[in-house]
Structure formats: C-alpha cells, structure tokens
Amino acid sequence: MAHEKSRALADVQQAFDNGGFLRELERLVAYRTVSGPGASEEELLRYYGEVLEPGLEAMGFACRRLDNPVAGGSPFLLAERIESADALTVLSYGHGDVVPGQDEQWDPGLSPWTVVERDGAWYGRGVADNKGQHLVNLTALRAVLAARGGKLGYNLKLLFELGEERSSPGLREVCRAHAPALAADVFIASDGPRVSRDQPTLFMGSRGSAIVELRCAPREAALHSGNWGGIMKNPAVVLTNAIATMVDGQGRILIDGLLPPPISDSVRAALSKLVVTSASLGRQIDDEWGEPGFSAAERLLGWNALEVLTLQAGNAAKPVNAIPPTAVAHLQLRFVVGTAWKEIAAIMRAHLDAQGYADVEVQFVRGSPATRLDPANPWVRWAADAIEQVTGEAPAIVPNLGGTLPNDAFAEILGLPTIWIPHSYPGCRQHGPNEHLPQAIVQQGLAIMASVFWELGEAAAADARRAHAGATFA
C-alpha cells in the first residue's frame, strides 16, 4: 500500500504546485458568507448549494440539510459516505461562515473577498478561518479516494455549519436531536491555530469561556464633582476596586473558586514539550503576567485567566466635571476542564459580599464549557504518528486550545474523542483585517491530511479504536 499512499501525497502536492488549490480557494473566498447581524441567508446557503454539496456528491457523499431549531439560525449540512455498517466511522466538521470583511481596514492592494498572494502567504477573509482549512481537508480526501480506487476503508461523516462566528446557534441541539446520524468512533477536524507557525500541531479540546457583567449604579444621574465630590460614592471607583479584589495587577486570579484543579501529570508533561515564546507566537508576551511559577504554555493552555473586556463610566471621549451615575464592566473567565464555571456568578457574588462590595451587581451573560481529551489517549498517539510519517517531526500535542471552539458538542453531547489538526498559526489575523494563510502551512497541511485520511483505513486506526474503547485514564 506504500505506493498508493505515495500517489495520494503526490496528488496533493500537484494540486498545490499547479495552482488548482489556489483557484479553488479564490472561488470559496469570493462568497461573502458573513454571519451575524445583517447577514445574507441567500449568500450563506449558496455556499452549500454551489460549493460544498456538488463537490461532496462528486466524492460519493450523500448530502442533506438539517433544520436549525434556533430561530434565525442557518441549517446544517450533513454529508455521509458509508461503506460498511461495521467499519470505523469518522466524524469531521467545518464552517463556511466568516466574520465581516472590514474592507476599509485592509492594507492597500488587499481585499477580504479576493485572494492576493504576498510574501509567501495568501490574503483574504476566510483563508484561515475556516474556508482554507476545510479546503485543505477536502483536497486531501479527494486524493486519498483516488489513490484507494474510490474506497476509503472506513465511513466518513462531515458536518458543516454557517453560524460558527455567531457562537454556533443550534449546533448543540442538532447534535442531541441527530445523535444516531452523527454517531462515530472518533472526531477529526481542522480549525484554530497551530501552537506556532512552523510546528504541526494537535489539540484535543479548548478552554471554555464565561462572561459576566458587573454593574455599580448608586443613582440615576451624574453629580457635579465640585458640589458632591468626597461625600458621594463614585461607582467607577467602587467597581475598579471590586475588580482588583478578583484579579491583581499581575493578572493573577484571587478567587479560589475561579481556579481549576491542579494541572494533571499527563497535561503538564504535554505542555512541557511546547515552545510558547515571543518568537514562536510572533508577538512580545509579558513573561511576568499571570499565575506565578508557571511556564507560558501552562498559563496559556493549562490554567484559567480572568480578563476585563470592557470598563465604562462617564464619557471617555468628552469627560466632564461630574461623578458618573453608573459604572459597568464585562469580565471573561477563560477556563480549563474542572472549573466550576456554571457557578461563576454565585462565586463572584459571595466574594464581593465578603469584600464589602454588596452594591456591585453580578449578572451571568453567557458561557460555553471547556473540553479536553487526555493526551495519553490512543487516538492522540495514532494521529501524532500519522503526522510524523510525512513531516519527519513529532507534532506539538496541545491538550486544549487557548481559545474556544464548539468542541463540547462533539466531546460531551456525542461522546467522541476529539482531535483537531489546525492549518493556521497565531499571527493569521483571522478576525481582523489582513487575514492570511502562509503557503508553507497549506503545503504541509495537504500532506498531513492525506496521511491522516490514508492511515484511517489502515490497521493502526482499528487498533486505536479498540484501545480507546477499552482504555481508562486518570
């Protein structure tokens, strides 16, 4: 079979060399599939009807759309390629929606809706998040199918959505309602960044996110600071001091209830092998910020962070001599598995009461859970081997992404071991102007995914399937 795998690897390299991948990427980026307020549902659905469905059906997938139970949410696309009821079954995922183009903020000569090559990278909205990433996977899959004579040797299900950039409305409900149709042995998909530009990466989950609003509103109107200053409470002073009891001036969380359990040995071992530095991230990091005594990798990927997202009192653009009537802040807890995030409002309430800040209101806004597959899981070892076969180096194994993905839908609701193989890097600017994807990552990603899709049909994947079914992890 070595010759046939070599053919698949040669085919994806040819798609890169002859411009075929680039032409398809240009086509995908031209669809202005912005999700959220003011989005065009017609344009979003064209991405299914004109791009994904024809291409998937040509590869032997049966496609159907799943209604979104959330009002205003776009439907989901489920593509299934079933070869045998007893075969290994893989579930994958991608999203066709993008954030707004921010057209006027791009550098001269660049546009969010036209792919432009510059300095060894392709620029355009969605090239990194997520059109370019799922195009890498589909291109590799097409090559493996051809090399195997039209048979994969396993079943493959692909789930696409058009609402990931608006927090995936309906995804969890669809996974619950269609759990039998989405049943699989393992989940393998691509989104998010590598740990660094040059190192292939696996991550097995993501940190969760919980946002809380704090408000101090002692009165309805502002008061002249000359007439009332010194005898009337300033809500901005109250609120900033209240926040300072939660997180200190070095970014260390001061509320025990918002901390995770100690980092496990397997996670600490995986994090110890990662290179998380200013050089690897492409931006100077603050070495003294966050939990003291932890490495940068542990602070970013293995621990919690409490961030102040907004802080508002008065009019910063035009200050006046008045004590503001109200001060409001939004705090976000980025957290790992084991954190009591659903109790965050109650924990903060009890803390503020104990600190004497009973007049600061606490309201939970929204949240999503953290997930993490143990790095010792057999599927992690299998995927790392499939990557190393074509790159010649062991990939970075990241227990969870620092950001948040809807991984809980697959890990918790569907109960799957989850493997993410990203084809981007931290500096890709995926939610801002000048989003780009280095060509070197695309080229390597094509080879990686050709190896992954190939090896899923080999004996080692069946061994990982059996080992996962019988494994227990501390």
Protein backbone atom coordinates (compact mmCIF):
# COMPACT_ATOMS: atom_id res chain seq x y z
CA MET A 1 0.00 0.00 0.00
CA ALA A 2 3.02 2.30 0.32
CA HIS A 3 2.93 3.05 -3.41
CA GLU A 4 -0.72 4.09 -3.32
CA LYS A 5 -0.16 6.39 -0.35
CA SER A 6 2.74 7.97 -2.21
CA ARG A 7 0.36 8.61 -5.09
CA ALA A 8 -2.05 10.44 -2.78
CA LEU A 9 0.80 12.55 -1.41
CA ALA A 10 1.96 13.33 -4.94
CA ASP A 11 -1.56 14.34 -5.96
CA VAL A 12 -1.96 16.88 -3.17
CA GLN A 13 1.48 18.28 -3.92
CA GLN A 14 0.46 18.64 -7.55
CA ALA A 15 -2.75 20.44 -6.54
CA PHE A 16 -0.57 22.92 -4.69
CA ASP A 17 2.05 23.26 -7.43
CA ASN A 18 -0.25 23.62 -10.43
CA GLY A 19 -2.46 26.27 -8.84
CA GLY A 20 -5.52 24.05 -8.50
CA PHE A 21 -5.78 24.59 -4.75
CA LEU A 22 -5.35 28.35 -5.14
CA ARG A 23 -8.04 28.60 -7.80
CA GLU A 24 -10.49 26.76 -5.58
CA LEU A 25 -9.54 28.94 -2.60
CA GLU A 26 -10.19 32.05 -4.69
CA ARG A 27 -13.63 30.72 -5.54
CA LEU A 28 -14.50 29.99 -1.90
CA VAL A 29 -13.31 33.36 -0.58
CA ALA A 30 -15.40 35.24 -3.19
CA TYR A 31 -18.56 34.08 -1.43
CA ARG A 32 -19.36 36.80 1.14
CA THR A 33 -20.64 34.38 3.74
CA VAL A 34 -20.75 36.79 6.67
CA SER A 35 -22.83 35.51 9.57
CA GLY A 36 -24.46 37.58 12.27
CA PRO A 37 -26.44 40.84 12.14
CA GLY A 38 -27.23 41.89 8.59
CA ALA A 39 -26.10 38.57 7.12
CA SER A 40 -27.49 37.37 3.80
CA GLU A 41 -29.03 33.93 4.27
CA GLU A 42 -29.17 33.58 0.50
CA GLU A 43 -25.41 34.10 0.19
CA LEU A 44 -24.73 31.71 3.06
CA LEU A 45 -26.84 28.95 1.51
CA ARG A 46 -25.18 29.45 -1.87
CA TYR A 47 -22.00 28.19 -0.21
CA TYR A 48 -23.77 24.91 0.44
CA GLY A 49 -25.56 24.66 -2.89
CA GLU A 50 -22.79 25.88 -5.20
CA VAL A 51 -19.62 24.85 -3.39
CA LEU A 52 -19.89 22.11 -0.80
CA GLU A 53 -22.74 19.89 -1.99
CA PRO A 54 -21.58 19.47 -5.62
CA GLY A 55 -18.02 18.71 -4.54
CA LEU A 56 -19.06 16.26 -1.84
CA GLU A 57 -21.55 14.45 -4.04
CA ALA A 58 -18.82 14.00 -6.66
CA MET A 59 -16.83 12.16 -3.96
CA GLY A 60 -19.71 9.81 -3.22
CA PHE A 61 -21.25 11.59 -0.24
CA ALA A 62 -24.99 11.71 0.33
CA CYS A 63 -25.86 15.24 1.41
CA ARG A 64 -28.83 16.51 3.38
CA ARG A 65 -29.59 19.67 5.28
CA LEU A 66 -30.63 19.60 8.92
CA ASP A 67 -33.01 22.31 10.04
CA ASN A 68 -31.72 24.62 12.73
CA PRO A 69 -34.06 24.55 15.75
CA VAL A 70 -32.90 28.03 16.81
CA ALA A 71 -34.95 30.81 15.25
CA GLY A 72 -32.92 32.69 12.67
CA GLY A 73 -30.17 30.08 12.58
CA SER A 74 -28.90 28.67 9.28
CA PRO A 75 -29.38 24.97 8.51
CA PHE A 76 -26.58 22.47 8.91
CA LEU A 77 -25.18 20.29 6.14
CA LEU A 78 -24.57 16.60 6.84
CA ALA A 79 -22.63 14.62 4.22
CA GLU A 80 -22.29 10.87 4.72
CA ARG A 81 -20.13 8.32 2.98
CA ILE A 82 -20.95 4.89 4.43
CA GLU A 83 -19.00 1.89 3.16
CA SER A 84 -19.90 -0.67 5.83
CA ALA A 85 -22.05 -0.72 8.94
CA ASP A 86 -19.21 -2.41 10.84
CA ALA A 87 -16.41 -0.14 9.65
CA LEU A 88 -14.62 2.54 11.63
CA THR A 89 -16.65 5.74 11.43
CA VAL A 90 -15.12 9.22 11.49
CA LEU A 91 -16.95 12.50 12.04
CA SER A 92 -15.47 15.77 10.80
CA TYR A 93 -16.60 19.39 10.80
CA GLY A 94 -16.12 22.77 9.19
CA HIS A 95 -17.84 26.12 8.90
CA GLY A 96 -18.45 28.21 5.81
CA ASP A 97 -19.31 31.49 7.53
CA VAL A 98 -16.84 34.29 8.17
CA VAL A 99 -16.67 37.48 10.23
CA PRO A 100 -17.38 40.82 8.49
CA GLY A 101 -14.83 41.82 5.88
CA GLN A 102 -13.77 45.15 7.47
CA ASP A 103 -12.93 46.12 3.88
CA GLU A 104 -11.65 49.64 4.55
CA GLN A 105 -9.12 48.47 7.15
CA TRP A 106 -7.09 46.16 4.91
CA ASP A 107 -3.69 47.27 3.63
CA PRO A 108 -3.54 48.87 0.17
CA GLY A 109 -3.78 46.25 -2.55
CA LEU A 110 -5.57 43.74 -0.32
CA SER A 111 -9.26 42.86 -0.21
CA PRO A 112 -11.21 40.49 2.02
CA TRP A 113 -13.08 38.99 -0.95
CA THR A 114 -10.21 38.49 -3.40
CA VAL A 115 -7.26 36.22 -2.66
CA VAL A 116 -3.95 38.07 -3.03
CA GLU A 117 -0.51 36.50 -2.76
CA ARG A 118 2.04 38.48 -0.77
CA ASP A 119 5.27 37.48 1.00
CA GLY A 120 4.60 33.74 0.81
CA ALA A 121 1.03 33.95 2.10
CA TRP A 122 -2.49 34.15 0.68
CA TYR A 123 -4.64 37.02 1.98
CA GLY A 124 -8.44 37.07 2.11
CA ARG A 125 -11.35 36.67 4.51
CA GLY A 126 -11.75 33.02 5.43
CA VAL A 127 -8.43 31.75 4.11
CA ALA A 128 -7.51 30.78 7.67
CA ASP A 129 -10.93 30.68 9.36
CA ASN A 130 -12.27 28.31 8.09
CA LYS A 131 -12.57 28.02 4.31
CA GLY A 132 -8.88 27.44 3.69
CA GLN A 133 -8.72 24.84 6.44
CA HIS A 134 -11.64 22.71 5.27
CA LEU A 135 -10.45 23.08 1.67
CA VAL A 136 -7.12 21.54 2.71
CA ASN A 137 -9.00 18.58 4.17
CA LEU A 138 -11.34 18.10 1.21
CA THR A 139 -8.45 18.31 -1.25
CA ALA A 140 -6.52 15.66 0.68
CA LEU A 141 -9.60 13.46 0.95
CA ARG A 142 -10.17 13.61 -2.80
CA ALA A 143 -6.58 12.48 -3.41
CA VAL A 144 -6.87 9.56 -0.96
CA LEU A 145 -10.11 8.39 -2.54
CA ALA A 146 -8.50 8.38 -5.96
CA ALA A 147 -5.41 6.55 -4.72
CA ARG A 148 -7.52 3.89 -3.00
CA GLY A 149 -9.63 3.29 -6.08
CA GLY A 150 -12.74 5.03 -4.78
CA LYS A 151 -12.88 3.28 -1.39
CA LEU A 152 -11.65 4.68 1.93
CA GLY A 153 -11.97 1.55 4.03
CA TYR A 154 -13.98 3.42 6.66
CA ASN A 155 -17.09 5.55 6.95
CA LEU A 156 -16.87 9.32 6.94
CA LYS A 157 -19.44 11.90 8.04
CA LEU A 158 -18.94 15.63 7.53
CA LEU A 159 -20.96 18.26 9.39
CA PHE A 160 -20.84 21.86 8.19
CA GLU A 161 -22.45 24.95 9.67
CA LEU A 162 -22.94 28.60 8.73
CA GLY A 163 -23.04 30.12 12.21
CA GLU A 164 -19.76 29.38 13.97
CA GLU A 165 -18.81 33.06 14.01
CA ARG A 166 -22.03 33.80 15.93
CA SER A 167 -21.40 31.11 18.56
CA SER A 168 -22.89 28.18 16.60
CA PRO A 169 -26.61 28.65 17.34
CA GLY A 170 -28.39 25.30 17.18
CA LEU A 171 -25.29 23.12 16.96
CA ARG A 172 -25.75 21.51 20.36
CA GLU A 173 -29.46 20.98 19.76
CA VAL A 174 -28.79 19.38 16.37
CA CYS A 175 -26.18 17.07 17.87
CA ARG A 176 -28.70 15.94 20.50
CA ALA A 177 -31.56 15.54 18.02
CA HIS A 178 -29.46 13.74 15.40
CA ALA A 179 -27.09 11.85 17.67
CA PRO A 180 -27.66 8.47 15.89
CA ALA A 181 -26.91 10.02 12.49
CA LEU A 182 -23.76 11.68 13.86
CA ALA A 183 -22.53 8.62 15.77
CA ALA A 184 -18.86 7.85 15.15
CA ASP A 185 -15.74 6.36 16.70
CA VAL A 186 -13.58 9.49 16.53
CA PHE A 187 -13.86 13.17 15.62
CA ILE A 188 -11.12 14.71 13.45
CA ALA A 189 -11.37 18.28 12.12
CA SER A 190 -9.38 21.44 11.46
CA ASP A 191 -9.82 24.94 12.90
CA GLY A 192 -7.90 27.31 15.11
CA PRO A 193 -4.13 27.91 15.03
CA ARG A 194 -1.05 25.79 15.44
CA VAL A 195 0.98 26.46 18.55
CA SER A 196 3.48 28.22 16.27
CA ARG A 197 3.88 28.89 12.56
CA ASP A 198 6.41 26.15 11.88
CA GLN A 199 5.28 23.25 14.07
CA PRO A 200 2.45 20.87 13.12
CA THR A 201 0.01 20.69 15.99
CA LEU A 202 -2.69 18.53 17.53
CA PHE A 203 -5.11 19.88 20.09
CA MET A 204 -7.85 17.87 21.73
CA GLY A 205 -10.26 20.46 23.07
CA SER A 206 -10.49 24.08 24.03
CA ARG A 207 -10.70 26.35 27.03
CA GLY A 208 -14.20 27.41 27.94
CA SER A 209 -15.48 30.96 28.20
CA ALA A 210 -17.82 32.62 30.70
CA ILE A 211 -18.75 36.30 30.52
CA VAL A 212 -20.14 38.20 33.49
CA GLU A 213 -21.40 41.76 33.74
CA LEU A 214 -20.56 43.80 36.84
CA ARG A 215 -22.56 46.94 37.47
CA CYS A 216 -22.48 49.61 40.16
CA ALA A 217 -25.38 52.06 39.82
CA PRO A 218 -25.98 54.02 43.05
CA ARG A 219 -28.03 56.77 41.34
CA GLU A 220 -29.78 57.71 38.12
CA ALA A 221 -27.99 60.95 37.27
CA ALA A 222 -24.48 62.37 37.35
CA LEU A 223 -23.47 64.72 40.16
CA HIS A 224 -21.21 67.78 39.92
CA SER A 225 -17.86 66.72 41.33
CA GLY A 226 -17.27 70.10 42.97
CA ASN A 227 -20.55 70.04 44.84
CA TRP A 228 -20.62 66.36 45.71
CA GLY A 229 -17.09 65.01 45.39
CA GLY A 230 -15.89 63.48 48.65
CA ILE A 231 -19.35 62.89 50.12
CA MET A 232 -21.00 60.78 47.42
CA LYS A 233 -19.97 57.33 46.26
CA ASN A 234 -18.22 57.17 42.87
CA PRO A 235 -19.35 53.97 41.14
CA ALA A 236 -16.26 53.86 38.93
CA VAL A 237 -14.01 53.88 41.98
CA VAL A 238 -16.14 51.21 43.64
CA LEU A 239 -16.16 48.97 40.58
CA THR A 240 -12.44 49.20 39.80
CA ASN A 241 -11.56 48.40 43.40
CA ALA A 242 -14.01 45.50 43.38
CA ILE A 243 -12.35 44.10 40.27
CA ALA A 244 -8.95 44.48 41.93
CA THR A 245 -10.06 42.02 44.61
CA MET A 246 -10.72 39.44 41.88
CA VAL A 247 -7.59 39.74 39.74
CA ASP A 248 -4.43 41.54 40.78
CA GLY A 249 -2.13 43.89 38.89
CA GLN A 250 -0.11 40.96 37.52
CA GLY A 251 -3.12 39.10 36.12
CA ARG A 252 -3.32 36.53 38.94
CA ILE A 253 -6.81 35.31 39.86
CA LEU A 254 -7.53 35.99 43.53
CA ILE A 255 -10.75 33.99 43.95
CA ASP A 256 -10.06 30.33 44.69
CA GLY A 257 -13.44 29.26 43.32
CA LEU A 258 -12.48 30.50 39.85
CA LEU A 259 -9.33 28.39 39.70
CA PRO A 260 -9.13 24.94 38.08
CA PRO A 261 -7.88 21.76 39.72
CA PRO A 262 -4.10 21.27 39.73
CA ILE A 263 -2.65 20.51 36.31
CA SER A 264 -2.52 16.74 35.84
CA ASP A 265 0.74 14.93 35.20
CA SER A 266 -0.22 13.97 31.62
CA VAL A 267 -1.24 17.52 30.74
CA ARG A 268 1.83 19.03 32.40
CA ALA A 269 4.05 16.59 30.51
CA ALA A 270 2.43 17.56 27.19
CA LEU A 271 2.72 21.27 27.93
CA SER A 272 6.38 20.93 28.92
CA LYS A 273 7.20 19.93 25.34
CA LEU A 274 5.59 23.01 23.77
CA VAL A 275 7.51 26.07 22.68
CA VAL A 276 5.36 29.05 23.67
CA THR A 277 7.57 32.14 23.45
CA SER A 278 7.51 35.61 21.97
CA ALA A 279 9.41 34.26 18.97
CA SER A 280 7.07 31.33 18.37
CA LEU A 281 3.94 33.49 18.71
CA GLY A 282 5.29 36.39 16.68
CA ARG A 283 4.45 38.95 19.38
CA GLN A 284 6.18 40.00 22.59
CA ILE A 285 4.47 38.34 25.55
CA ASP A 286 4.54 39.55 29.15
CA ASP A 287 6.65 36.99 30.98
CA GLU A 288 5.60 38.13 34.46
CA TRP A 289 1.84 38.16 33.75
CA GLY A 290 -0.49 35.51 35.13
CA GLU A 291 -0.06 32.68 37.60
CA PRO A 292 3.42 32.89 39.16
CA GLY A 293 5.74 29.92 38.80
CA PHE A 294 4.00 28.63 35.65
CA SER A 295 5.50 28.40 32.19
CA ALA A 296 3.95 30.41 29.36
CA ALA A 297 2.41 27.22 27.98
CA GLU A 298 0.85 26.41 31.34
CA ARG A 299 -0.55 29.91 31.73
CA LEU A 300 -2.00 29.99 28.21
CA LEU A 301 -3.22 26.42 27.82
CA GLY A 302 -3.35 24.76 31.23
CA TRP A 303 -4.76 27.41 33.54
CA ASN A 304 -7.52 29.99 33.85
CA ALA A 305 -7.38 33.69 33.01
CA LEU A 306 -9.77 36.41 34.19
CA GLU A 307 -9.88 39.26 31.68
CA VAL A 308 -11.58 42.68 31.83
CA LEU A 309 -13.17 43.04 28.38
CA THR A 310 -14.95 46.35 28.89
CA LEU A 311 -14.87 49.06 31.54
CA GLN A 312 -17.18 52.04 31.18
CA ALA A 313 -18.11 55.08 33.30
CA GLY A 314 -18.90 58.53 32.03
CA ASN A 315 -17.87 59.66 28.56
CA ALA A 316 -14.19 58.95 27.88
CA ALA A 317 -14.33 60.88 24.60
CA LYS A 318 -15.56 64.04 26.34
CA PRO A 319 -15.04 63.98 30.11
CA VAL A 320 -16.93 66.47 32.25
CA ASN A 321 -16.64 67.50 35.90
CA ALA A 322 -19.20 65.02 37.14
CA ILE A 323 -19.35 61.87 39.21
CA PRO A 324 -20.82 59.27 36.82
CA PRO A 325 -24.06 57.63 37.95
CA THR A 326 -23.14 54.18 36.73
CA ALA A 327 -20.07 52.04 36.09
CA VAL A 328 -20.22 48.80 34.10
CA ALA A 329 -17.63 46.16 33.28
CA HIS A 330 -17.68 42.86 31.43
CA LEU A 331 -15.31 40.18 32.71
CA GLN A 332 -14.43 36.97 30.92
CA LEU A 333 -13.12 33.82 32.51
CA ARG A 334 -11.17 31.66 30.08
CA PHE A 335 -11.06 28.31 31.84
CA VAL A 336 -9.93 24.70 31.52
CA VAL A 337 -11.69 21.45 32.38
CA GLY A 338 -12.67 21.09 36.02
CA THR A 339 -13.57 24.73 36.66
CA ALA A 340 -16.92 25.43 38.33
CA TRP A 341 -17.84 27.88 35.58
CA LYS A 342 -21.61 27.43 35.85
CA GLU A 343 -21.42 28.83 39.38
CA ILE A 344 -19.29 31.82 38.40
CA ALA A 345 -21.97 34.42 39.22
CA ALA A 346 -22.66 32.90 42.64
CA ILE A 347 -18.92 32.63 43.37
CA MET A 348 -18.36 36.27 42.45
CA ARG A 349 -21.42 37.36 44.44
CA ALA A 350 -20.20 35.63 47.59
CA HIS A 351 -16.70 37.04 47.12
CA LEU A 352 -17.89 40.63 46.62
CA ASP A 353 -20.19 40.42 49.63
CA ALA A 354 -17.30 39.19 51.76
CA GLN A 355 -15.11 42.04 50.49
CA GLY A 356 -17.73 44.69 51.26
CA TYR A 357 -18.97 45.31 47.72
CA ALA A 358 -22.61 44.39 48.11
CA ASP A 359 -23.62 47.28 45.82
CA VAL A 360 -21.85 45.74 42.81
CA GLU A 361 -24.38 43.70 40.84
CA VAL A 362 -23.31 40.44 39.15
CA GLN A 363 -25.06 39.02 36.10
CA PHE A 364 -24.02 35.97 34.08
CA VAL A 365 -24.14 36.83 30.35
CA ARG A 366 -23.17 33.65 28.51
CA GLY A 367 -20.72 30.77 28.59
CA SER A 368 -19.54 27.60 26.92
CA PRO A 369 -17.78 24.64 28.53
CA ALA A 370 -14.16 23.57 28.35
CA THR A 371 -13.19 20.22 26.87
CA ARG A 372 -10.02 18.18 26.79
CA LEU A 373 -9.09 14.70 25.62
CA ASP A 374 -6.34 13.17 27.72
CA PRO A 375 -3.01 13.39 25.82
CA ALA A 376 -2.42 9.71 26.70
CA ASN A 377 -5.47 8.63 24.67
CA PRO A 378 -4.61 6.08 21.92
CA TRP A 379 -6.17 8.29 19.25
CA VAL A 380 -3.72 11.06 20.13
CA ARG A 381 -0.77 8.75 19.68
CA TRP A 382 -2.23 7.45 16.42
CA ALA A 383 -2.76 10.94 14.97
CA ALA A 384 0.71 12.09 16.02
CA ASP A 385 2.23 9.10 14.22
CA ALA A 386 0.23 9.78 11.04
CA ILE A 387 1.55 13.35 11.03
CA GLU A 388 5.14 12.41 11.82
CA GLN A 389 5.17 9.93 8.92
CA VAL A 390 5.03 12.78 6.40
CA THR A 391 6.66 15.67 8.27
CA GLY A 392 9.55 13.84 9.87
CA GLU A 393 8.89 15.56 13.19
CA ALA A 394 6.61 14.91 16.11
CA PRO A 395 3.74 17.41 16.23
CA ALA A 396 3.11 19.67 19.17
CA ILE A 397 0.45 17.99 21.33
CA VAL A 398 -1.71 20.66 22.94
CA PRO A 399 -4.25 19.34 25.47
CA ASN A 400 -6.60 22.19 24.65
CA LEU A 401 -6.68 25.34 22.57
CA GLY A 402 -6.31 28.60 24.46
CA GLY A 403 -9.43 29.97 22.77
CA THR A 404 -12.87 28.43 22.46
CA LEU A 405 -14.40 26.19 19.79
CA PRO A 406 -17.74 24.33 19.87
CA ASN A 407 -15.87 21.15 20.76
CA ASP A 408 -18.28 20.38 23.60
CA ALA A 409 -20.94 19.47 21.01
CA PHE A 410 -18.75 16.60 19.83
CA ALA A 411 -16.91 15.67 23.03
CA GLU A 412 -19.75 15.93 25.55
CA ILE A 413 -23.00 15.56 23.61
CA LEU A 414 -21.79 12.94 21.12
CA GLY A 415 -19.19 11.48 23.49
CA LEU A 416 -16.36 11.34 20.94
CA PRO A 417 -12.59 11.52 21.34
CA THR A 418 -11.80 14.80 19.59
CA ILE A 419 -8.69 15.53 17.53
CA TRP A 420 -8.12 18.92 15.90
CA ILE A 421 -5.35 19.36 13.32
CA PRO A 422 -5.09 23.11 12.61
CA HIS A 423 -3.80 24.61 9.36
CA SER A 424 -3.18 28.13 10.58
CA TYR A 425 -0.98 29.95 13.10
CA PRO A 426 -1.38 32.55 15.88
CA GLY A 427 -0.48 35.51 13.66
CA CYS A 428 -3.00 34.83 10.88
CA ARG A 429 -5.29 37.74 11.94
CA GLN A 430 -8.38 35.65 11.30
CA HIS A 431 -10.88 38.06 12.90
CA GLY A 432 -9.30 41.30 11.75
CA PRO A 433 -8.03 42.99 8.61
CA ASN A 434 -5.32 41.29 6.57
CA GLU A 435 -6.34 37.72 7.39
CA HIS A 436 -3.82 35.42 5.72
CA LEU A 437 -2.57 31.87 5.47
CA PRO A 438 1.09 31.02 4.81
CA GLN A 439 1.53 28.84 1.75
CA ALA A 440 4.02 26.66 3.63
CA ILE A 441 1.30 25.70 6.13
CA VAL A 442 -1.07 24.84 3.28
CA GLN A 443 1.53 22.70 1.55
CA GLN A 444 2.38 20.83 4.72
CA GLY A 445 -1.28 20.61 5.75
CA LEU A 446 -2.19 18.89 2.49
CA ALA A 447 0.44 16.21 3.12
CA ILE A 448 -0.61 15.85 6.77
CA MET A 449 -4.27 15.34 5.94
CA ALA A 450 -3.51 12.97 3.07
CA SER A 451 -1.58 10.87 5.59
CA VAL A 452 -4.35 11.11 8.19
CA PHE A 453 -7.12 10.14 5.76
CA TRP A 454 -4.97 7.36 4.39
CA GLU A 455 -3.98 5.92 7.76
CA LEU A 456 -7.61 5.86 8.91
CA GLY A 457 -8.02 2.96 6.51
CA GLU A 458 -5.05 1.05 7.93
CA ALA A 459 -4.77 -1.41 10.79
CA ALA A 460 -3.32 1.14 13.22
CA ALA A 461 -6.58 3.09 13.20
CA ALA A 462 -8.51 -0.05 14.07
CA ASP A 463 -6.06 -0.68 16.91
CA ALA A 464 -6.59 2.85 18.23
CA ARG A 465 -10.34 2.31 18.02
CA ARG A 466 -10.10 -0.85 20.14
CA ALA A 467 -7.63 0.64 22.59
CA HIS A 468 -9.78 3.72 23.14
CA ALA A 469 -12.84 1.57 23.77
CA GLY A 470 -11.03 -0.35 26.50
CA ALA A 471 -8.86 2.38 27.96
CA THR A 472 -9.27 4.20 31.25
CA PHE A 473 -7.38 7.36 32.07
CA ALA A 474 -6.67 9.05 35.35
